[in-house]
C-alpha atoms as a PDB file:
ATOM      1  CA  UNK A   1     -33.592  58.963 -16.327  1.00  0.00           C
ATOM      2  CA  UNK A   2     -35.692  57.623 -19.196  1.00  0.00           C
ATOM      3  CA  UNK A   3     -32.652  57.768 -21.486  1.00  0.00           C
ATOM      4  CA  UNK A   4     -30.769  55.518 -19.070  1.00  0.00           C
ATOM      5  CA  UNK A   5     -33.738  53.135 -19.033  1.00  0.00           C
ATOM      6  CA  UNK A   6     -33.808  52.912 -22.836  1.00  0.00           C
ATOM      7  CA  UNK A   7     -30.025  52.406 -22.970  1.00  0.00           C
ATOM      8  CA  UNK A   8     -30.201  49.675 -20.327  1.00  0.00           C
ATOM      9  CA  UNK A   9     -32.916  47.870 -22.287  1.00  0.00           C
ATOM     10  CA  UNK A  10     -30.781  48.115 -25.433  1.00  0.00           C
ATOM     11  CA  UNK A  11     -27.731  46.794 -23.566  1.00  0.00           C
ATOM     12  CA  UNK A  12     -29.725  43.915 -22.067  1.00  0.00           C
ATOM     13  CA  UNK A  13     -31.129  43.060 -25.494  1.00  0.00           C
ATOM     14  CA  UNK A  14     -27.609  42.885 -26.960  1.00  0.00           C
ATOM     15  CA  UNK A  15     -26.477  40.851 -23.961  1.00  0.00           C
ATOM     16  CA  UNK A  16     -29.316  38.369 -24.427  1.00  0.00           C
ATOM     17  CA  UNK A  17     -28.687  38.072 -28.181  1.00  0.00           C
ATOM     18  CA  UNK A  18     -24.982  37.548 -27.553  1.00  0.00           C
ATOM     19  CA  UNK A  19     -25.668  34.855 -24.983  1.00  0.00           C
ATOM     20  CA  UNK A  20     -28.152  33.167 -27.324  1.00  0.00           C
ATOM     21  CA  UNK A  21     -25.624  33.149 -30.176  1.00  0.00           C
ATOM     22  CA  UNK A  22     -22.918  31.809 -27.873  1.00  0.00           C
ATOM     23  CA  UNK A  23     -25.243  29.039 -26.669  1.00  0.00           C
ATOM     24  CA  UNK A  24     -26.106  28.042 -30.238  1.00  0.00           C
ATOM     25  CA  UNK A  25     -22.438  28.019 -31.249  1.00  0.00           C
ATOM     26  CA  UNK A  26     -21.590  25.919 -28.202  1.00  0.00           C
ATOM     27  CA  UNK A  27     -24.393  23.493 -29.043  1.00  0.00           C
ATOM     28  CA  UNK A  28     -23.189  23.079 -32.635  1.00  0.00           C
ATOM     29  CA  UNK A  29     -19.570  22.765 -31.530  1.00  0.00           C
ATOM     30  CA  UNK A  30     -20.375  20.087 -28.947  1.00  0.00           C
ATOM     31  CA  UNK A  31     -22.533  18.169 -31.427  1.00  0.00           C
ATOM     32  CA  UNK A  32     -19.732  18.208 -33.990  1.00  0.00           C
ATOM     33  CA  UNK A  33     -17.124  17.127 -31.445  1.00  0.00           C
ATOM     34  CA  UNK A  34     -19.269  14.278 -30.169  1.00  0.00           C
ATOM     35  CA  UNK A  35     -20.025  12.985 -33.677  1.00  0.00           C
ATOM     36  CA  UNK A  36     -16.340  13.276 -34.646  1.00  0.00           C
ATOM     37  CA  UNK A  37     -15.105  11.336 -31.636  1.00  0.00           C
ATOM     38  CA  UNK A  38     -17.792   8.691 -31.716  1.00  0.00           C
ATOM     39  CA  UNK A  39     -17.099   7.966 -35.376  1.00  0.00           C
ATOM     40  CA  UNK A  40     -13.334   8.076 -34.757  1.00  0.00           C
ATOM     41  CA  UNK A  41     -13.452   5.582 -31.878  1.00  0.00           C
ATOM     42  CA  UNK A  42     -16.080   3.264 -33.333  1.00  0.00           C
ATOM     43  CA  UNK A  43     -14.773   2.921 -36.891  1.00  0.00           C
ATOM     44  CA  UNK A  44     -10.985   2.873 -36.394  1.00  0.00           C
ATOM     45  CA  UNK A  45      -9.246  -0.488 -35.928  1.00  0.00           C
ATOM     46  CA  UNK A  46      -7.099   0.792 -33.029  1.00  0.00           C
ATOM     47  CA  UNK A  47      -6.527  -0.991 -29.756  1.00  0.00           C
ATOM     48  CA  UNK A  48      -8.355   0.212 -26.672  1.00  0.00           C
ATOM     49  CA  UNK A  49      -5.156   1.752 -25.238  1.00  0.00           C
ATOM     50  CA  UNK A  50      -4.540   3.759 -28.424  1.00  0.00           C
ATOM     51  CA  UNK A  51      -8.123   5.013 -28.444  1.00  0.00           C
ATOM     52  CA  UNK A  52      -7.785   6.049 -24.789  1.00  0.00           C
ATOM     53  CA  UNK A  53      -4.517   7.876 -25.471  1.00  0.00           C
ATOM     54  CA  UNK A  54      -5.987   9.718 -28.465  1.00  0.00           C
ATOM     55  CA  UNK A  55      -9.047  10.650 -26.403  1.00  0.00           C
ATOM     56  CA  UNK A  56      -6.936  11.993 -23.538  1.00  0.00           C
ATOM     57  CA  UNK A  57      -4.722  14.001 -25.898  1.00  0.00           C
ATOM     58  CA  UNK A  58      -7.770  15.486 -27.620  1.00  0.00           C
ATOM     59  CA  UNK A  59      -9.262  16.378 -24.234  1.00  0.00           C
ATOM     60  CA  UNK A  60      -6.044  18.095 -23.172  1.00  0.00           C
ATOM     61  CA  UNK A  61      -5.885  20.079 -26.404  1.00  0.00           C
ATOM     62  CA  UNK A  62      -9.541  21.120 -26.075  1.00  0.00           C
ATOM     63  CA  UNK A  63      -9.045  22.153 -22.450  1.00  0.00           C
ATOM     64  CA  UNK A  64      -5.993  24.284 -23.237  1.00  0.00           C
ATOM     65  CA  UNK A  65      -7.712  25.883 -26.233  1.00  0.00           C
ATOM     66  CA  UNK A  66     -10.811  26.688 -24.164  1.00  0.00           C
ATOM     67  CA  UNK A  67      -8.685  28.145 -21.376  1.00  0.00           C
ATOM     68  CA  UNK A  68      -6.806  30.369 -23.822  1.00  0.00           C
ATOM     69  CA  UNK A  69      -9.968  31.550 -25.539  1.00  0.00           C
ATOM     70  CA  UNK A  70     -11.750  32.304 -22.254  1.00  0.00           C
ATOM     71  CA  UNK A  71      -8.678  34.132 -20.979  1.00  0.00           C
ATOM     72  CA  UNK A  72      -8.698  36.353 -24.063  1.00  0.00           C
ATOM     73  CA  UNK A  73     -12.456  36.923 -24.104  1.00  0.00           C
ATOM     74  CA  UNK A  74     -12.873  37.723 -20.413  1.00  0.00           C
ATOM     75  CA  UNK A  75      -9.738  39.833 -19.881  1.00  0.00           C
ATOM     76  CA  UNK A  76     -10.458  43.135 -18.159  1.00  0.00           C
ATOM     77  CA  UNK A  77      -8.642  45.136 -20.848  1.00  0.00           C
ATOM     78  CA  UNK A  78     -10.942  43.761 -23.546  1.00  0.00           C
ATOM     79  CA  UNK A  79     -14.069  44.585 -21.545  1.00  0.00           C
ATOM     80  CA  UNK A  80     -12.838  48.096 -20.828  1.00  0.00           C
ATOM     81  CA  UNK A  81     -12.277  48.531 -24.547  1.00  0.00           C
ATOM     82  CA  UNK A  82     -15.721  47.134 -25.435  1.00  0.00           C
ATOM     83  CA  UNK A  83     -17.506  49.498 -23.054  1.00  0.00           C
ATOM     84  CA  UNK A  84     -15.223  52.461 -23.869  1.00  0.00           C
ATOM     85  CA  UNK A  85     -14.136  52.800 -20.246  1.00  0.00           C
ATOM     86  CA  UNK A  86     -10.389  53.003 -20.862  1.00  0.00           C
ATOM     87  CA  UNK A  87     -10.289  56.788 -20.581  1.00  0.00           C
ATOM     88  CA  UNK A  88     -12.415  56.690 -17.435  1.00  0.00           C
ATOM     89  CA  UNK A  89     -10.026  54.298 -15.689  1.00  0.00           C
ATOM     90  CA  UNK A  90      -7.058  56.380 -16.813  1.00  0.00           C
ATOM     91  CA  UNK A  91      -8.721  59.483 -15.341  1.00  0.00           C
ATOM     92  CA  UNK A  92      -9.456  57.637 -12.107  1.00  0.00           C
ATOM     93  CA  UNK A  93      -5.865  56.392 -11.862  1.00  0.00           C
ATOM     94  CA  UNK A  94      -4.534  59.897 -12.544  1.00  0.00           C
ATOM     95  CA  UNK A  95      -6.806  61.420  -9.892  1.00  0.00           C
ATOM     96  CA  UNK A  96      -5.856  58.687  -7.436  1.00  0.00           C
ATOM     97  CA  UNK A  97      -2.141  59.275  -8.013  1.00  0.00           C
ATOM     98  CA  UNK A  98      -2.635  63.039  -7.718  1.00  0.00           C
ATOM     99  CA  UNK A  99      -4.540  62.594  -4.443  1.00  0.00           C
ATOM    100  CA  UNK A 100      -1.788  60.312  -3.142  1.00  0.00           C
ATOM    101  CA  UNK A 101       0.836  62.881  -4.088  1.00  0.00           C
ATOM    102  CA  UNK A 102      -1.100  65.629  -2.297  1.00  0.00           C
ATOM    103  CA  UNK A 103      -1.431  63.390   0.745  1.00  0.00           C
ATOM    104  CA  UNK A 104       2.332  62.777   0.780  1.00  0.00           C
ATOM    105  CA  UNK A 105       2.950  66.523   0.663  1.00  0.00           C
ATOM    106  CA  UNK A 106       0.556  67.155   3.580  1.00  0.00           C
ATOM    107  CA  UNK A 107       1.947  64.406   5.844  1.00  0.00           C
ATOM    108  CA  UNK A 108       5.514  64.132   7.153  1.00  0.00           C
ATOM    109  CA  UNK A 109       7.515  60.884   7.003  1.00  0.00           C
ATOM    110  CA  UNK A 110       6.494  59.853  10.531  1.00  0.00           C
ATOM    111  CA  UNK A 111       2.784  60.125   9.672  1.00  0.00           C
ATOM    112  CA  UNK A 112       2.123  63.377  11.507  1.00  0.00           C
ATOM    113  CA  UNK A 113       0.476  66.287   9.675  1.00  0.00           C
ATOM    114  CA  UNK A 114       2.884  69.045   8.651  1.00  0.00           C
ATOM    115  CA  UNK A 115       2.242  72.396  10.233  1.00  0.00           C
ATOM    116  CA  UNK A 116       0.700  74.933   7.916  1.00  0.00           C
ATOM    117  CA  UNK A 117       2.336  78.310   7.513  1.00  0.00           C
END
């Protein structure tokens, strides 16, 4: 029990450090993007329509990039790999299929139990 407690504290510590690093990276990224766009829109001699079009295109690109990155980061396969649970899910799927196969053998096609000999 105490080993589980120590492991949970270690896991929570890594989780907190990961979240802190992600927050700092997000802060720096947002600061850089804001400074880039403010300087781009203030100092370029473009018309207002061109600036709006460039801003919308940049927003679309950022949205699609964020969606792709989040899809990759939060995919269930990646998390199973991170926590080394791939073999466990394979074992569970195998046991589930085996139990289903045994159930099919014990029950006839109309759903009634087969008589035992």
